[in-house]
Amino acid sequence: MEEEKQAAVPYFVHEGTMARMERVFKITVIALVAALAVAVCSLIANDIMWRQYCNALEERYTTNAEVPNGVYQQSDSESD
């Protein structure tokens, strides 16, 4: 039976690899936070635009309901 030899890794190679892994982890976390920030901003912008659209629809239909003396005016669709 053969004896297994333990692989020796120099200290500087190990430290270089660990430093590279730390940089990759840091960049990954920064990218994740940036993506989360973009998603939250998009959600807020979408909500604001949706509320404006709903308010415009509400104003459009509430102003048509308030006609003085119960008289409604229709546009003439046919020309004379």
N, C-alpha and C. Protein backbone atom coordinates (compact mmCIF):
# COMPACT_ATOMS: atom_id res chain seq x y z
N MET A 1 0.84 -1.19 0.00
CA MET A 1 0.00 0.00 0.00
C MET A 1 0.88 1.24 0.00
N GLU A 2 0.50 2.17 -0.87
CA GLU A 2 1.28 3.39 -1.01
C GLU A 2 0.92 4.39 0.07
N GLU A 3 1.89 5.10 0.53
CA GLU A 3 1.63 6.17 1.50
C GLU A 3 1.26 7.44 0.74
N GLU A 4 0.21 8.11 1.20
CA GLU A 4 -0.19 9.35 0.55
C GLU A 4 0.67 10.48 1.06
N LYS A 5 1.12 11.30 0.14
CA LYS A 5 1.94 12.44 0.53
C LYS A 5 1.05 13.66 0.66
N GLN A 6 1.29 14.40 1.68
CA GLN A 6 0.56 15.65 1.93
C GLN A 6 1.10 16.71 0.99
N ALA A 7 0.21 17.38 0.26
CA ALA A 7 0.65 18.43 -0.65
C ALA A 7 0.99 19.66 0.16
N ALA A 8 2.10 20.25 -0.14
CA ALA A 8 2.54 21.46 0.56
C ALA A 8 2.25 22.66 -0.33
N VAL A 9 1.51 23.62 0.23
CA VAL A 9 1.19 24.85 -0.49
C VAL A 9 1.96 25.97 0.17
N PRO A 10 2.75 26.70 -0.60
CA PRO A 10 3.50 27.81 -0.01
C PRO A 10 2.56 28.86 0.59
N TYR A 11 3.05 29.52 1.62
CA TYR A 11 2.28 30.51 2.36
C TYR A 11 1.80 31.63 1.44
N PHE A 12 2.67 32.14 0.57
CA PHE A 12 2.31 33.27 -0.28
C PHE A 12 1.25 32.89 -1.32
N VAL A 13 1.29 31.66 -1.80
CA VAL A 13 0.27 31.19 -2.74
C VAL A 13 -1.09 31.13 -2.03
N HIS A 14 -1.09 30.60 -0.81
CA HIS A 14 -2.32 30.52 -0.03
C HIS A 14 -2.88 31.90 0.25
N GLU A 15 -2.03 32.82 0.68
CA GLU A 15 -2.49 34.18 1.00
C GLU A 15 -3.00 34.89 -0.26
N GLY A 16 -2.36 34.67 -1.39
CA GLY A 16 -2.81 35.28 -2.64
C GLY A 16 -4.20 34.76 -3.03
N THR A 17 -4.40 33.47 -2.87
CA THR A 17 -5.69 32.87 -3.18
C THR A 17 -6.77 33.39 -2.24
N MET A 18 -6.45 33.50 -0.96
CA MET A 18 -7.43 34.01 0.01
C MET A 18 -7.76 35.48 -0.27
N ALA A 19 -6.77 36.28 -0.65
CA ALA A 19 -7.02 37.69 -0.97
C ALA A 19 -7.93 37.79 -2.20
N ARG A 20 -7.70 36.94 -3.20
CA ARG A 20 -8.53 36.93 -4.40
C ARG A 20 -9.96 36.55 -4.04
N MET A 21 -10.13 35.55 -3.19
CA MET A 21 -11.47 35.12 -2.78
C MET A 21 -12.19 36.24 -2.01
N GLU A 22 -11.47 36.97 -1.19
CA GLU A 22 -12.08 38.09 -0.45
C GLU A 22 -12.55 39.18 -1.41
N ARG A 23 -11.74 39.47 -2.44
CA ARG A 23 -12.14 40.48 -3.43
C ARG A 23 -13.37 40.03 -4.20
N VAL A 24 -13.41 38.76 -4.58
CA VAL A 24 -14.57 38.24 -5.31
C VAL A 24 -15.82 38.32 -4.43
N PHE A 25 -15.69 37.97 -3.16
CA PHE A 25 -16.82 38.04 -2.24
C PHE A 25 -17.29 39.48 -2.07
N LYS A 26 -16.35 40.41 -1.93
CA LYS A 26 -16.69 41.83 -1.76
C LYS A 26 -17.43 42.36 -2.99
N ILE A 27 -16.93 42.02 -4.19
CA ILE A 27 -17.58 42.48 -5.42
C ILE A 27 -18.97 41.87 -5.55
N THR A 28 -19.12 40.61 -5.16
CA THR A 28 -20.43 39.95 -5.21
C THR A 28 -21.43 40.62 -4.28
N VAL A 29 -21.00 40.96 -3.09
CA VAL A 29 -21.89 41.62 -2.13
C VAL A 29 -22.28 43.00 -2.65
N ILE A 30 -21.32 43.73 -3.21
CA ILE A 30 -21.62 45.06 -3.74
C ILE A 30 -22.61 44.96 -4.90
N ALA A 31 -22.43 43.97 -5.78
CA ALA A 31 -23.35 43.78 -6.90
C ALA A 31 -24.75 43.42 -6.41
N LEU A 32 -24.82 42.59 -5.37
CA LEU A 32 -26.11 42.21 -4.81
C LEU A 32 -26.83 43.41 -4.21
N VAL A 33 -26.11 44.24 -3.48
CA VAL A 33 -26.71 45.44 -2.88
C VAL A 33 -27.16 46.41 -3.96
N ALA A 34 -26.35 46.56 -5.02
CA ALA A 34 -26.73 47.46 -6.12
C ALA A 34 -27.98 46.94 -6.83
N ALA A 35 -28.06 45.64 -7.07
CA ALA A 35 -29.23 45.07 -7.72
C ALA A 35 -30.47 45.24 -6.85
N LEU A 36 -30.32 45.08 -5.56
CA LEU A 36 -31.44 45.27 -4.64
C LEU A 36 -31.90 46.72 -4.64
N ALA A 37 -30.95 47.66 -4.67
CA ALA A 37 -31.30 49.08 -4.70
C ALA A 37 -32.05 49.43 -5.98
N VAL A 38 -31.59 48.90 -7.12
CA VAL A 38 -32.27 49.15 -8.39
C VAL A 38 -33.68 48.57 -8.37
N ALA A 39 -33.83 47.39 -7.80
CA ALA A 39 -35.16 46.77 -7.73
C ALA A 39 -36.11 47.59 -6.86
N VAL A 40 -35.62 48.08 -5.75
CA VAL A 40 -36.47 48.89 -4.85
C VAL A 40 -36.85 50.21 -5.53
N CYS A 41 -35.89 50.84 -6.20
CA CYS A 41 -36.19 52.10 -6.91
C CYS A 41 -37.20 51.87 -8.02
N SER A 42 -37.07 50.76 -8.73
CA SER A 42 -38.02 50.44 -9.79
C SER A 42 -39.41 50.22 -9.22
N LEU A 43 -39.48 49.52 -8.12
CA LEU A 43 -40.77 49.27 -7.48
C LEU A 43 -41.43 50.57 -7.03
N ILE A 44 -40.65 51.46 -6.46
CA ILE A 44 -41.19 52.74 -6.00
C ILE A 44 -41.67 53.58 -7.19
N ALA A 45 -40.85 53.63 -8.26
CA ALA A 45 -41.23 54.40 -9.44
C ALA A 45 -42.50 53.83 -10.08
N ASN A 46 -42.60 52.52 -10.15
CA ASN A 46 -43.79 51.87 -10.71
C ASN A 46 -45.02 52.19 -9.86
N ASP A 47 -44.87 52.16 -8.56
CA ASP A 47 -45.99 52.45 -7.67
C ASP A 47 -46.44 53.90 -7.83
N ILE A 48 -45.50 54.82 -7.95
CA ILE A 48 -45.85 56.24 -8.12
C ILE A 48 -46.61 56.45 -9.43
N MET A 49 -46.10 55.85 -10.51
CA MET A 49 -46.78 56.01 -11.80
C MET A 49 -48.16 55.37 -11.80
N TRP A 50 -48.29 54.23 -11.14
CA TRP A 50 -49.59 53.55 -11.07
C TRP A 50 -50.59 54.40 -10.29
N ARG A 51 -50.15 54.98 -9.18
CA ARG A 51 -51.05 55.84 -8.40
C ARG A 51 -51.47 57.07 -9.20
N GLN A 52 -50.55 57.67 -9.97
CA GLN A 52 -50.90 58.82 -10.80
C GLN A 52 -51.93 58.42 -11.85
N TYR A 53 -51.75 57.27 -12.45
CA TYR A 53 -52.70 56.79 -13.46
C TYR A 53 -54.07 56.56 -12.84
N CYS A 54 -54.13 55.95 -11.67
CA CYS A 54 -55.41 55.71 -11.01
C CYS A 54 -56.08 57.01 -10.61
N ASN A 55 -55.29 57.96 -10.12
CA ASN A 55 -55.86 59.27 -9.75
C ASN A 55 -56.40 59.99 -10.98
N ALA A 56 -55.70 59.89 -12.11
CA ALA A 56 -56.18 60.54 -13.34
C ALA A 56 -57.50 59.91 -13.79
N LEU A 57 -57.59 58.60 -13.71
CA LEU A 57 -58.85 57.93 -14.07
C LEU A 57 -59.97 58.34 -13.12
N GLU A 58 -59.65 58.41 -11.86
CA GLU A 58 -60.67 58.78 -10.87
C GLU A 58 -61.16 60.20 -11.11
N GLU A 59 -60.23 61.13 -11.39
CA GLU A 59 -60.63 62.52 -11.67
C GLU A 59 -61.46 62.59 -12.94
N ARG A 60 -61.10 61.81 -13.92
CA ARG A 60 -61.81 61.83 -15.20
C ARG A 60 -63.26 61.40 -15.02
N TYR A 61 -63.49 60.37 -14.24
CA TYR A 61 -64.85 59.87 -14.09
C TYR A 61 -65.65 60.62 -13.03
N THR A 62 -65.00 61.23 -12.05
CA THR A 62 -65.75 61.99 -11.06
C THR A 62 -66.16 63.35 -11.61
N THR A 63 -65.38 63.94 -12.51
CA THR A 63 -65.78 65.24 -13.08
C THR A 63 -66.94 65.08 -14.04
N ASN A 64 -67.03 63.95 -14.74
CA ASN A 64 -68.16 63.73 -15.64
C ASN A 64 -69.46 63.50 -14.88
N ALA A 65 -69.37 63.01 -13.65
CA ALA A 65 -70.58 62.73 -12.87
C ALA A 65 -71.17 64.01 -12.29
N GLU A 66 -70.37 65.03 -12.12
CA GLU A 66 -70.84 66.28 -11.51
C GLU A 66 -71.23 67.27 -12.61
N VAL A 67 -72.41 67.12 -13.12
CA VAL A 67 -72.90 68.02 -14.18
C VAL A 67 -74.02 68.86 -13.58
N PRO A 68 -73.96 70.19 -13.74
CA PRO A 68 -75.00 71.05 -13.15
C PRO A 68 -76.35 70.85 -13.84
N ASN A 69 -77.43 70.93 -13.07
CA ASN A 69 -78.82 70.85 -13.53
C ASN A 69 -79.15 69.51 -14.19
N GLY A 70 -78.31 68.53 -14.03
CA GLY A 70 -78.59 67.22 -14.60
C GLY A 70 -78.55 67.17 -16.11
N VAL A 71 -77.91 68.17 -16.75
CA VAL A 71 -77.84 68.21 -18.21
C VAL A 71 -76.48 67.67 -18.64
N TYR A 72 -76.51 66.70 -19.52
CA TYR A 72 -75.28 66.12 -20.04
C TYR A 72 -75.10 66.56 -21.49
N GLN A 73 -73.89 66.87 -21.85
CA GLN A 73 -73.61 67.29 -23.21
C GLN A 73 -72.83 66.18 -23.92
N GLN A 74 -73.32 65.78 -25.07
CA GLN A 74 -72.64 64.76 -25.86
C GLN A 74 -72.06 65.39 -27.10
N SER A 75 -70.94 64.84 -27.54
CA SER A 75 -70.37 65.36 -28.77
C SER A 75 -71.14 64.80 -29.95
N ASP A 76 -71.19 65.56 -31.02
CA ASP A 76 -71.90 65.13 -32.22
C ASP A 76 -70.96 64.26 -33.03
N SER A 77 -71.29 62.97 -33.13
CA SER A 77 -70.41 62.04 -33.84
C SER A 77 -70.64 62.08 -35.34
N GLU A 78 -71.80 62.53 -35.77
CA GLU A 78 -72.11 62.59 -37.19
C GLU A 78 -72.06 64.04 -37.66
N SER A 79 -71.48 64.24 -38.84
CA SER A 79 -71.45 65.61 -39.38
C SER A 79 -72.72 65.86 -40.18
N ASP A 80 -73.18 67.10 -40.22
CA ASP A 80 -74.42 67.45 -40.93
C ASP A 80 -74.23 67.59 -42.40
